[in-house]
Amino acid sequence: QAVGGCSGIVLGRAIVRDLYERDKAASMIGYITMAWVLAPMVAPL
């Protein structure tokens, strides 16, 4: 399950870096993780 789920973590970051420069990539990664952290936030509940 981890091997499969890892694909989105790694490739999501790589896709962002494909599209944006260094500091902008950090900003976009921040926005993405801010949004998708909602799922892990409610996951334990």
All heavy atoms as atom14 arrays in JSON, in Angstrom:
{
  "sequence": "QAVGGCSGIVLGRAIVRDLYERDKAASMIGYITMAWVLAPMVAPL",
  "atom14_mask": [
    [1, 1, 1, 1, 1, 1, 1, 1, 1, 0, 0, 0, 0, 0],
    [1, 1, 1, 1, 1, 0, 0, 0, 0, 0, 0, 0, 0, 0],
    [1, 1, 1, 1, 1, 1, 1, 0, 0, 0, 0, 0, 0, 0],
    [1, 1, 1, 1, 0, 0, 0, 0, 0, 0, 0, 0, 0, 0],
    [1, 1, 1, 1, 0, 0, 0, 0, 0, 0, 0, 0, 0, 0],
    [1, 1, 1, 1, 1, 1, 0, 0, 0, 0, 0, 0, 0, 0],
    [1, 1, 1, 1, 1, 1, 0, 0, 0, 0, 0, 0, 0, 0],
    [1, 1, 1, 1, 0, 0, 0, 0, 0, 0, 0, 0, 0, 0],
    [1, 1, 1, 1, 1, 1, 1, 1, 0, 0, 0, 0, 0, 0],
    [1, 1, 1, 1, 1, 1, 1, 0, 0, 0, 0, 0, 0, 0],
    [1, 1, 1, 1, 1, 1, 1, 1, 0, 0, 0, 0, 0, 0],
    [1, 1, 1, 1, 0, 0, 0, 0, 0, 0, 0, 0, 0, 0],
    [1, 1, 1, 1, 1, 1, 1, 1, 1, 1, 1, 0, 0, 0],
    [1, 1, 1, 1, 1, 0, 0, 0, 0, 0, 0, 0, 0, 0],
    [1, 1, 1, 1, 1, 1, 1, 1, 0, 0, 0, 0, 0, 0],
    [1, 1, 1, 1, 1, 1, 1, 0, 0, 0, 0, 0, 0, 0],
    [1, 1, 1, 1, 1, 1, 1, 1, 1, 1, 1, 0, 0, 0],
    [1, 1, 1, 1, 1, 1, 1, 1, 0, 0, 0, 0, 0, 0],
    [1, 1, 1, 1, 1, 1, 1, 1, 0, 0, 0, 0, 0, 0],
    [1, 1, 1, 1, 1, 1, 1, 1, 1, 1, 1, 1, 0, 0],
    [1, 1, 1, 1, 1, 1, 1, 1, 1, 0, 0, 0, 0, 0],
    [1, 1, 1, 1, 1, 1, 1, 1, 1, 1, 1, 0, 0, 0],
    [1, 1, 1, 1, 1, 1, 1, 1, 0, 0, 0, 0, 0, 0],
    [1, 1, 1, 1, 1, 1, 1, 1, 1, 0, 0, 0, 0, 0],
    [1, 1, 1, 1, 1, 0, 0, 0, 0, 0, 0, 0, 0, 0],
    [1, 1, 1, 1, 1, 0, 0, 0, 0, 0, 0, 0, 0, 0],
    [1, 1, 1, 1, 1, 1, 0, 0, 0, 0, 0, 0, 0, 0],
    [1, 1, 1, 1, 1, 1, 1, 1, 0, 0, 0, 0, 0, 0],
    [1, 1, 1, 1, 1, 1, 1, 1, 0, 0, 0, 0, 0, 0],
    [1, 1, 1, 1, 0, 0, 0, 0, 0, 0, 0, 0, 0, 0],
    [1, 1, 1, 1, 1, 1, 1, 1, 1, 1, 1, 1, 0, 0],
    [1, 1, 1, 1, 1, 1, 1, 1, 0, 0, 0, 0, 0, 0],
    [1, 1, 1, 1, 1, 1, 1, 0, 0, 0, 0, 0, 0, 0],
    [1, 1, 1, 1, 1, 1, 1, 1, 0, 0, 0, 0, 0, 0],
    [1, 1, 1, 1, 1, 0, 0, 0, 0, 0, 0, 0, 0, 0],
    [1, 1, 1, 1, 1, 1, 1, 1, 1, 1, 1, 1, 1, 1],
    [1, 1, 1, 1, 1, 1, 1, 0, 0, 0, 0, 0, 0, 0],
    [1, 1, 1, 1, 1, 1, 1, 1, 0, 0, 0, 0, 0, 0],
    [1, 1, 1, 1, 1, 0, 0, 0, 0, 0, 0, 0, 0, 0],
    [1, 1, 1, 1, 1, 1, 1, 0, 0, 0, 0, 0, 0, 0],
    [1, 1, 1, 1, 1, 1, 1, 1, 0, 0, 0, 0, 0, 0],
    [1, 1, 1, 1, 1, 1, 1, 0, 0, 0, 0, 0, 0, 0],
    [1, 1, 1, 1, 1, 0, 0, 0, 0, 0, 0, 0, 0, 0],
    [1, 1, 1, 1, 1, 1, 1, 0, 0, 0, 0, 0, 0, 0],
    [1, 1, 1, 1, 1, 1, 1, 1, 0, 0, 0, 0, 0, 0]
  ],
  "atom14_positions": [
    [[0.83, -1.2, 0.0], [0.0, 0.0, 0.0], [0.86, 1.25, 0.0], [0.58, 2.23, -0.7], [-0.92, -0.03, 1.22], [-1.95, 1.09, 1.25], [-2.74, 1.09, 2.54], [-2.18, 0.98, 3.63], [-4.07, 1.19, 2.43], [0.0, 0.0, 0.0], [0.0, 0.0, 0.0], [0.0, 0.0, 0.0], [0.0, 0.0, 0.0], [0.0, 0.0, 0.0]],
    [[1.94, 1.21, 0.78], [2.86, 2.35, 0.84], [3.55, 2.58, -0.5], [3.7, 3.72, -0.96], [3.91, 2.13, 1.93], [0.0, 0.0, 0.0], [0.0, 0.0, 0.0], [0.0, 0.0, 0.0], [0.0, 0.0, 0.0], [0.0, 0.0, 0.0], [0.0, 0.0, 0.0], [0.0, 0.0, 0.0], [0.0, 0.0, 0.0], [0.0, 0.0, 0.0]],
    [[3.96, 1.48, -1.16], [4.62, 1.6, -2.47], [3.68, 2.28, -3.47], [4.1, 3.15, -4.24], [5.04, 0.21, -2.98], [5.57, 0.31, -4.42], [6.11, -0.39, -2.07], [0.0, 0.0, 0.0], [0.0, 0.0, 0.0], [0.0, 0.0, 0.0], [0.0, 0.0, 0.0], [0.0, 0.0, 0.0], [0.0, 0.0, 0.0], [0.0, 0.0, 0.0]],
    [[2.42, 1.91, -3.45], [1.46, 2.55, -4.35], [1.15, 3.97, -3.97], [1.16, 4.88, -4.81], [0.0, 0.0, 0.0], [0.0, 0.0, 0.0], [0.0, 0.0, 0.0], [0.0, 0.0, 0.0], [0.0, 0.0, 0.0], [0.0, 0.0, 0.0], [0.0, 0.0, 0.0], [0.0, 0.0, 0.0], [0.0, 0.0, 0.0], [0.0, 0.0, 0.0]],
    [[0.89, 4.22, -2.69], [0.54, 5.56, -2.25], [1.66, 6.56, -2.37], [1.43, 7.77, -2.46], [0.0, 0.0, 0.0], [0.0, 0.0, 0.0], [0.0, 0.0, 0.0], [0.0, 0.0, 0.0], [0.0, 0.0, 0.0], [0.0, 0.0, 0.0], [0.0, 0.0, 0.0], [0.0, 0.0, 0.0], [0.0, 0.0, 0.0], [0.0, 0.0, 0.0]],
    [[2.9, 6.06, -2.38], [4.06, 6.93, -2.49], [4.09, 7.67, -3.82], [4.67, 8.76, -3.92], [5.32, 6.09, -2.33], [6.85, 6.99, -2.55], [0.0, 0.0, 0.0], [0.0, 0.0, 0.0], [0.0, 0.0, 0.0], [0.0, 0.0, 0.0], [0.0, 0.0, 0.0], [0.0, 0.0, 0.0], [0.0, 0.0, 0.0], [0.0, 0.0, 0.0]],
    [[3.48, 7.12, -4.85], [3.57, 7.71, -6.19], [3.06, 9.15, -6.2], [3.68, 10.02, -6.82], [2.78, 6.86, -7.19], [1.41, 6.78, -6.82], [0.0, 0.0, 0.0], [0.0, 0.0, 0.0], [0.0, 0.0, 0.0], [0.0, 0.0, 0.0], [0.0, 0.0, 0.0], [0.0, 0.0, 0.0], [0.0, 0.0, 0.0], [0.0, 0.0, 0.0]],
    [[1.96, 9.41, -5.53], [1.41, 10.76, -5.52], [2.28, 11.75, -4.77], [2.4, 12.92, -5.15], [0.0, 0.0, 0.0], [0.0, 0.0, 0.0], [0.0, 0.0, 0.0], [0.0, 0.0, 0.0], [0.0, 0.0, 0.0], [0.0, 0.0, 0.0], [0.0, 0.0, 0.0], [0.0, 0.0, 0.0], [0.0, 0.0, 0.0], [0.0, 0.0, 0.0]],
    [[2.91, 11.28, -3.68], [3.76, 12.17, -2.88], [4.97, 12.63, -3.71], [5.26, 13.83, -3.8], [4.23, 11.44, -1.61], [3.03, 11.04, -0.75], [5.18, 12.32, -0.81], [3.38, 10.18, 0.45], [0.0, 0.0, 0.0], [0.0, 0.0, 0.0], [0.0, 0.0, 0.0], [0.0, 0.0, 0.0], [0.0, 0.0, 0.0], [0.0, 0.0, 0.0]],
    [[5.68, 11.68, -4.3], [6.89, 12.01, -5.06], [6.57, 12.76, -6.34], [7.15, 13.81, -6.63], [7.67, 10.72, -5.4], [8.9, 11.05, -6.23], [8.08, 10.0, -4.14], [0.0, 0.0, 0.0], [0.0, 0.0, 0.0], [0.0, 0.0, 0.0], [0.0, 0.0, 0.0], [0.0, 0.0, 0.0], [0.0, 0.0, 0.0], [0.0, 0.0, 0.0]],
    [[5.63, 12.23, -7.1], [5.38, 12.78, -8.43], [4.63, 14.1, -8.35], [4.77, 14.94, -9.24], [4.63, 11.76, -9.28], [5.4, 10.45, -9.46], [4.58, 9.45, -10.26], [6.74, 10.69, -10.12], [0.0, 0.0, 0.0], [0.0, 0.0, 0.0], [0.0, 0.0, 0.0], [0.0, 0.0, 0.0], [0.0, 0.0, 0.0], [0.0, 0.0, 0.0]],
    [[3.85, 14.31, -7.29], [3.23, 15.61, -7.11], [4.27, 16.71, -6.97], [4.17, 17.78, -7.59], [0.0, 0.0, 0.0], [0.0, 0.0, 0.0], [0.0, 0.0, 0.0], [0.0, 0.0, 0.0], [0.0, 0.0, 0.0], [0.0, 0.0, 0.0], [0.0, 0.0, 0.0], [0.0, 0.0, 0.0], [0.0, 0.0, 0.0], [0.0, 0.0, 0.0]],
    [[5.32, 16.45, -6.17], [6.4, 17.42, -6.01], [7.15, 17.62, -7.31], [7.5, 18.74, -7.69], [7.37, 16.96, -4.92], [6.77, 16.9, -3.53], [7.86, 16.8, -2.48], [8.7, 15.63, -2.61], [8.66, 14.58, -1.81], [7.79, 14.54, -0.82], [9.49, 13.58, -1.97], [0.0, 0.0, 0.0], [0.0, 0.0, 0.0], [0.0, 0.0, 0.0]],
    [[7.44, 16.5, -8.02], [8.19, 16.61, -9.27], [7.4, 17.39, -10.32], [7.97, 18.18, -11.08], [8.53, 15.22, -9.78], [0.0, 0.0, 0.0], [0.0, 0.0, 0.0], [0.0, 0.0, 0.0], [0.0, 0.0, 0.0], [0.0, 0.0, 0.0], [0.0, 0.0, 0.0], [0.0, 0.0, 0.0], [0.0, 0.0, 0.0], [0.0, 0.0, 0.0]],
    [[6.08, 17.18, -10.37], [5.25, 17.91, -11.32], [5.28, 19.41, -11.02], [5.38, 20.24, -11.93], [3.81, 17.37, -11.29], [3.76, 15.98, -11.93], [2.85, 18.31, -12.01], [2.44, 15.26, -11.76], [0.0, 0.0, 0.0], [0.0, 0.0, 0.0], [0.0, 0.0, 0.0], [0.0, 0.0, 0.0], [0.0, 0.0, 0.0], [0.0, 0.0, 0.0]],
    [[5.2, 19.76, -9.73], [5.29, 21.18, -9.36], [6.61, 21.77, -9.81], [6.67, 22.88, -10.35], [5.1, 21.33, -7.83], [5.5, 22.73, -7.38], [3.66, 21.05, -7.44], [0.0, 0.0, 0.0], [0.0, 0.0, 0.0], [0.0, 0.0, 0.0], [0.0, 0.0, 0.0], [0.0, 0.0, 0.0], [0.0, 0.0, 0.0], [0.0, 0.0, 0.0]],
    [[7.71, 21.02, -9.61], [9.02, 21.53, -10.01], [9.14, 21.59, -11.53], [9.89, 22.43, -12.06], [10.14, 20.66, -9.42], [11.52, 21.31, -9.54], [11.57, 22.63, -8.78], [12.85, 23.3, -8.94], [13.13, 24.16, -9.91], [12.22, 24.43, -10.84], [14.3, 24.75, -9.96], [0.0, 0.0, 0.0], [0.0, 0.0, 0.0], [0.0, 0.0, 0.0]],
    [[8.42, 20.73, -12.25], [8.39, 20.83, -13.71], [7.81, 22.17, -14.16], [8.21, 22.72, -15.19], [7.53, 19.71, -14.31], [8.17, 18.34, -14.2], [9.41, 18.27, -14.06], [7.43, 17.34, -14.27], [0.0, 0.0, 0.0], [0.0, 0.0, 0.0], [0.0, 0.0, 0.0], [0.0, 0.0, 0.0], [0.0, 0.0, 0.0], [0.0, 0.0, 0.0]],
    [[6.86, 22.67, -13.38], [6.07, 23.81, -13.83], [6.52, 25.15, -13.26], [6.2, 26.19, -13.83], [4.59, 23.57, -13.45], [3.94, 22.31, -14.03], [2.55, 22.11, -13.44], [3.87, 22.39, -15.55], [0.0, 0.0, 0.0], [0.0, 0.0, 0.0], [0.0, 0.0, 0.0], [0.0, 0.0, 0.0], [0.0, 0.0, 0.0], [0.0, 0.0, 0.0]],
    [[7.25, 25.15, -12.13], [7.57, 26.4, -11.44], [9.04, 26.46, -11.06], [9.69, 25.44, -10.87], [6.7, 26.56, -10.18], [5.22, 26.52, -10.45], [4.49, 25.35, -10.23], [4.54, 27.64, -10.92], [3.13, 25.3, -10.47], [3.18, 27.6, -11.16], [2.48, 26.43, -10.94], [1.13, 26.38, -11.18], [0.0, 0.0, 0.0], [0.0, 0.0, 0.0]],
    [[9.54, 27.68, -10.9], [10.9, 27.89, -10.45], [11.01, 27.68, -8.94], [10.01, 27.48, -8.26], [11.38, 29.3, -10.83], [11.5, 29.52, -12.33], [12.47, 28.52, -12.97], [13.5, 28.23, -12.35], [12.17, 28.03, -14.07], [0.0, 0.0, 0.0], [0.0, 0.0, 0.0], [0.0, 0.0, 0.0], [0.0, 0.0, 0.0], [0.0, 0.0, 0.0]],
    [[12.23, 27.81, -8.4], [12.57, 27.37, -7.03], [11.65, 27.94, -5.96], [10.95, 27.21, -5.25], [14.02, 27.75, -6.74], [14.54, 27.36, -5.37], [16.02, 27.72, -5.28], [16.63, 27.33, -4.03], [16.77, 28.15, -3.0], [16.31, 29.38, -3.07], [17.36, 27.74, -1.88], [0.0, 0.0, 0.0], [0.0, 0.0, 0.0], [0.0, 0.0, 0.0]],
    [[11.63, 29.26, -5.78], [10.83, 29.85, -4.71], [9.34, 29.7, -4.98], [8.55, 29.49, -4.06], [11.19, 31.33, -4.51], [12.55, 31.51, -3.86], [13.08, 30.51, -3.31], [13.1, 32.62, -3.92], [0.0, 0.0, 0.0], [0.0, 0.0, 0.0], [0.0, 0.0, 0.0], [0.0, 0.0, 0.0], [0.0, 0.0, 0.0], [0.0, 0.0, 0.0]],
    [[8.93, 29.83, -6.25], [7.53, 29.63, -6.6], [7.12, 28.18, -6.36], [5.99, 27.91, -5.94], [7.31, 30.01, -8.06], [5.85, 29.91, -8.51], [4.94, 30.87, -7.75], [3.53, 30.83, -8.3], [2.61, 31.69, -7.53], [0.0, 0.0, 0.0], [0.0, 0.0, 0.0], [0.0, 0.0, 0.0], [0.0, 0.0, 0.0], [0.0, 0.0, 0.0]],
    [[8.04, 27.24, -6.61], [7.75, 25.83, -6.33], [7.5, 25.61, -4.85], [6.58, 24.89, -4.45], [8.9, 24.94, -6.81], [0.0, 0.0, 0.0], [0.0, 0.0, 0.0], [0.0, 0.0, 0.0], [0.0, 0.0, 0.0], [0.0, 0.0, 0.0], [0.0, 0.0, 0.0], [0.0, 0.0, 0.0], [0.0, 0.0, 0.0], [0.0, 0.0, 0.0]],
    [[8.31, 26.26, -3.99], [8.08, 26.15, -2.54], [6.72, 26.69, -2.16], [6.0, 26.12, -1.34], [9.18, 26.91, -1.79], [0.0, 0.0, 0.0], [0.0, 0.0, 0.0], [0.0, 0.0, 0.0], [0.0, 0.0, 0.0], [0.0, 0.0, 0.0], [0.0, 0.0, 0.0], [0.0, 0.0, 0.0], [0.0, 0.0, 0.0], [0.0, 0.0, 0.0]],
    [[6.35, 27.81, -2.79], [5.03, 28.39, -2.52], [3.91, 27.45, -2.95], [2.95, 27.23, -2.21], [4.91, 29.73, -3.27], [3.64, 30.29, -3.07], [0.0, 0.0, 0.0], [0.0, 0.0, 0.0], [0.0, 0.0, 0.0], [0.0, 0.0, 0.0], [0.0, 0.0, 0.0], [0.0, 0.0, 0.0], [0.0, 0.0, 0.0], [0.0, 0.0, 0.0]],
    [[4.02, 26.86, -4.14], [2.98, 25.96, -4.63], [2.9, 24.68, -3.81], [1.82, 24.17, -3.53], [3.23, 25.62, -6.1], [3.05, 26.8, -7.04], [1.41, 27.56, -6.92], [0.35, 26.19, -7.38], [0.0, 0.0, 0.0], [0.0, 0.0, 0.0], [0.0, 0.0, 0.0], [0.0, 0.0, 0.0], [0.0, 0.0, 0.0], [0.0, 0.0, 0.0]],
    [[4.07, 24.15, -3.4], [4.06, 22.97, -2.53], [3.37, 23.29, -1.22], [2.62, 22.48, -0.67], [5.5, 22.46, -2.29], [6.07, 21.87, -3.58], [5.52, 21.41, -1.18], [7.55, 21.49, -3.48], [0.0, 0.0, 0.0], [0.0, 0.0, 0.0], [0.0, 0.0, 0.0], [0.0, 0.0, 0.0], [0.0, 0.0, 0.0], [0.0, 0.0, 0.0]],
    [[3.6, 24.52, -0.72], [2.92, 24.93, 0.5], [1.42, 24.98, 0.34], [0.66, 24.5, 1.2], [0.0, 0.0, 0.0], [0.0, 0.0, 0.0], [0.0, 0.0, 0.0], [0.0, 0.0, 0.0], [0.0, 0.0, 0.0], [0.0, 0.0, 0.0], [0.0, 0.0, 0.0], [0.0, 0.0, 0.0], [0.0, 0.0, 0.0], [0.0, 0.0, 0.0]],
    [[0.95, 25.54, -0.77], [-0.5, 25.59, -1.0], [-1.09, 24.2, -1.18], [-2.18, 23.9, -0.67], [-0.78, 26.43, -2.25], [-0.74, 27.92, -2.02], [0.03, 28.75, -2.85], [-1.46, 28.51, -0.99], [0.08, 30.11, -2.63], [-1.42, 29.88, -0.78], [-0.65, 30.68, -1.6], [-0.6, 32.03, -1.4], [0.0, 0.0, 0.0], [0.0, 0.0, 0.0]],
    [[-0.38, 23.33, -1.9], [-0.89, 21.98, -2.11], [-1.0, 21.23, -0.79], [-2.02, 20.62, -0.47], [0.01, 21.22, -3.1], [-0.18, 21.78, -4.51], [-0.32, 19.72, -3.1], [0.79, 21.22, -5.52], [0.0, 0.0, 0.0], [0.0, 0.0, 0.0], [0.0, 0.0, 0.0], [0.0, 0.0, 0.0], [0.0, 0.0, 0.0], [0.0, 0.0, 0.0]],
    [[0.06, 21.28, 0.02], [0.02, 20.55, 1.28], [-0.95, 21.17, 2.26], [-1.53, 20.47, 3.09], [1.43, 20.47, 1.91], [2.0, 21.78, 1.95], [2.33, 19.57, 1.1], [0.0, 0.0, 0.0], [0.0, 0.0, 0.0], [0.0, 0.0, 0.0], [0.0, 0.0, 0.0], [0.0, 0.0, 0.0], [0.0, 0.0, 0.0], [0.0, 0.0, 0.0]],
    [[-1.16, 22.49, 2.18], [-2.17, 23.11, 3.03], [-3.55, 22.55, 2.7], [-4.36, 22.27, 3.6], [-2.19, 24.63, 2.83], [-3.27, 25.34, 3.66], [-3.4, 27.11, 3.29], [-4.0, 27.05, 1.6], [0.0, 0.0, 0.0], [0.0, 0.0, 0.0], [0.0, 0.0, 0.0], [0.0, 0.0, 0.0], [0.0, 0.0, 0.0], [0.0, 0.0, 0.0]],
    [[-3.81, 22.35, 1.42], [-5.12, 21.86, 1.02], [-5.27, 20.37, 1.32], [-6.27, 19.93, 1.9], [-5.34, 22.13, -0.48], [0.0, 0.0, 0.0], [0.0, 0.0, 0.0], [0.0, 0.0, 0.0], [0.0, 0.0, 0.0], [0.0, 0.0, 0.0], [0.0, 0.0, 0.0], [0.0, 0.0, 0.0], [0.0, 0.0, 0.0], [0.0, 0.0, 0.0]],
    [[-4.25, 19.55, 0.93], [-4.44, 18.11, 1.12], [-4.24, 17.66, 2.55], [-4.55, 16.52, 2.91], [-3.63, 17.28, 0.16], [-2.13, 17.28, 0.18], [-1.31, 17.78, -0.79], [-1.25, 16.69, 1.15], [0.0, 17.55, -0.47], [0.07, 16.89, 0.71], [-1.45, 16.01, 2.36], [1.19, 16.45, 1.42], [-0.35, 15.57, 3.07], [0.96, 15.79, 2.6]],
    [[-3.76, 18.54, 3.43], [-3.67, 18.18, 4.84], [-5.05, 18.05, 5.48], [-5.2, 17.47, 6.55], [-2.8, 19.2, 5.62], [-3.61, 20.45, 5.98], [-2.23, 18.55, 6.88], [0.0, 0.0, 0.0], [0.0, 0.0, 0.0], [0.0, 0.0, 0.0], [0.0, 0.0, 0.0], [0.0, 0.0, 0.0], [0.0, 0.0, 0.0], [0.0, 0.0, 0.0]],
    [[-6.07, 18.59, 4.79], [-7.43, 18.41, 5.3], [-7.8, 16.93, 5.37], [-8.52, 16.51, 6.29], [-8.42, 19.16, 4.41], [-8.39, 20.68, 4.49], [-9.3, 21.28, 3.42], [-8.82, 21.15, 5.87], [0.0, 0.0, 0.0], [0.0, 0.0, 0.0], [0.0, 0.0, 0.0], [0.0, 0.0, 0.0], [0.0, 0.0, 0.0], [0.0, 0.0, 0.0]],
    [[-7.33, 16.14, 4.43], [-7.64, 14.7, 4.45], [-6.98, 14.0, 5.64], [-7.67, 13.33, 6.42], [-7.21, 14.05, 3.13], [0.0, 0.0, 0.0], [0.0, 0.0, 0.0], [0.0, 0.0, 0.0], [0.0, 0.0, 0.0], [0.0, 0.0, 0.0], [0.0, 0.0, 0.0], [0.0, 0.0, 0.0], [0.0, 0.0, 0.0], [0.0, 0.0, 0.0]],
    [[-5.65, 14.16, 5.85], [-5.06, 13.57, 7.04], [-5.61, 14.15, 8.35], [-5.55, 13.5, 9.38], [-3.56, 13.88, 6.89], [-3.37, 14.04, 5.43], [-4.63, 14.68, 4.92], [0.0, 0.0, 0.0], [0.0, 0.0, 0.0], [0.0, 0.0, 0.0], [0.0, 0.0, 0.0], [0.0, 0.0, 0.0], [0.0, 0.0, 0.0], [0.0, 0.0, 0.0]],
    [[-6.11, 15.38, 8.3], [-6.65, 15.99, 9.51], [-7.88, 15.23, 9.99], [-8.03, 14.96, 11.19], [-7.01, 17.46, 9.26], [-7.6, 18.16, 10.49], [-7.92, 19.91, 10.21], [-9.31, 19.83, 9.1], [0.0, 0.0, 0.0], [0.0, 0.0, 0.0], [0.0, 0.0, 0.0], [0.0, 0.0, 0.0], [0.0, 0.0, 0.0], [0.0, 0.0, 0.0]],
    [[-8.76, 14.89, 9.07], [-9.98, 14.19, 9.47], [-9.8, 12.68, 9.45], [-10.65, 11.95, 9.95], [-11.16, 14.58, 8.56], [-11.42, 16.07, 8.64], [-10.91, 14.18, 7.11], [0.0, 0.0, 0.0], [0.0, 0.0, 0.0], [0.0, 0.0, 0.0], [0.0, 0.0, 0.0], [0.0, 0.0, 0.0], [0.0, 0.0, 0.0], [0.0, 0.0, 0.0]],
    [[-8.66, 12.19, 8.89], [-8.46, 10.75, 8.76], [-8.48, 10.02, 10.09], [-9.15, 8.98, 10.21], [-7.16, 10.47, 8.0], [0.0, 0.0, 0.0], [0.0, 0.0, 0.0], [0.0, 0.0, 0.0], [0.0, 0.0, 0.0], [0.0, 0.0, 0.0], [0.0, 0.0, 0.0], [0.0, 0.0, 0.0], [0.0, 0.0, 0.0], [0.0, 0.0, 0.0]],
    [[-7.76, 10.49, 11.13], [-7.82, 9.76, 12.4], [-9.23, 9.73, 13.0], [-9.62, 8.73, 13.61], [-6.85, 10.52, 13.31], [-5.92, 11.2, 12.38], [-6.76, 11.58, 11.19], [0.0, 0.0, 0.0], [0.0, 0.0, 0.0], [0.0, 0.0, 0.0], [0.0, 0.0, 0.0], [0.0, 0.0, 0.0], [0.0, 0.0, 0.0], [0.0, 0.0, 0.0]],
    [[-9.98, 10.81, 12.82], [-11.36, 10.82, 13.32], [-12.21, 9.82, 12.55], [-12.97, 9.04, 13.14], [-11.95, 12.23, 13.21], [-13.41, 12.39, 13.66], [-13.57, 11.95, 15.11], [-13.88, 13.82, 13.47], [0.0, 0.0, 0.0], [0.0, 0.0, 0.0], [0.0, 0.0, 0.0], [0.0, 0.0, 0.0], [0.0, 0.0, 0.0], [0.0, 0.0, 0.0]]
  ]
}
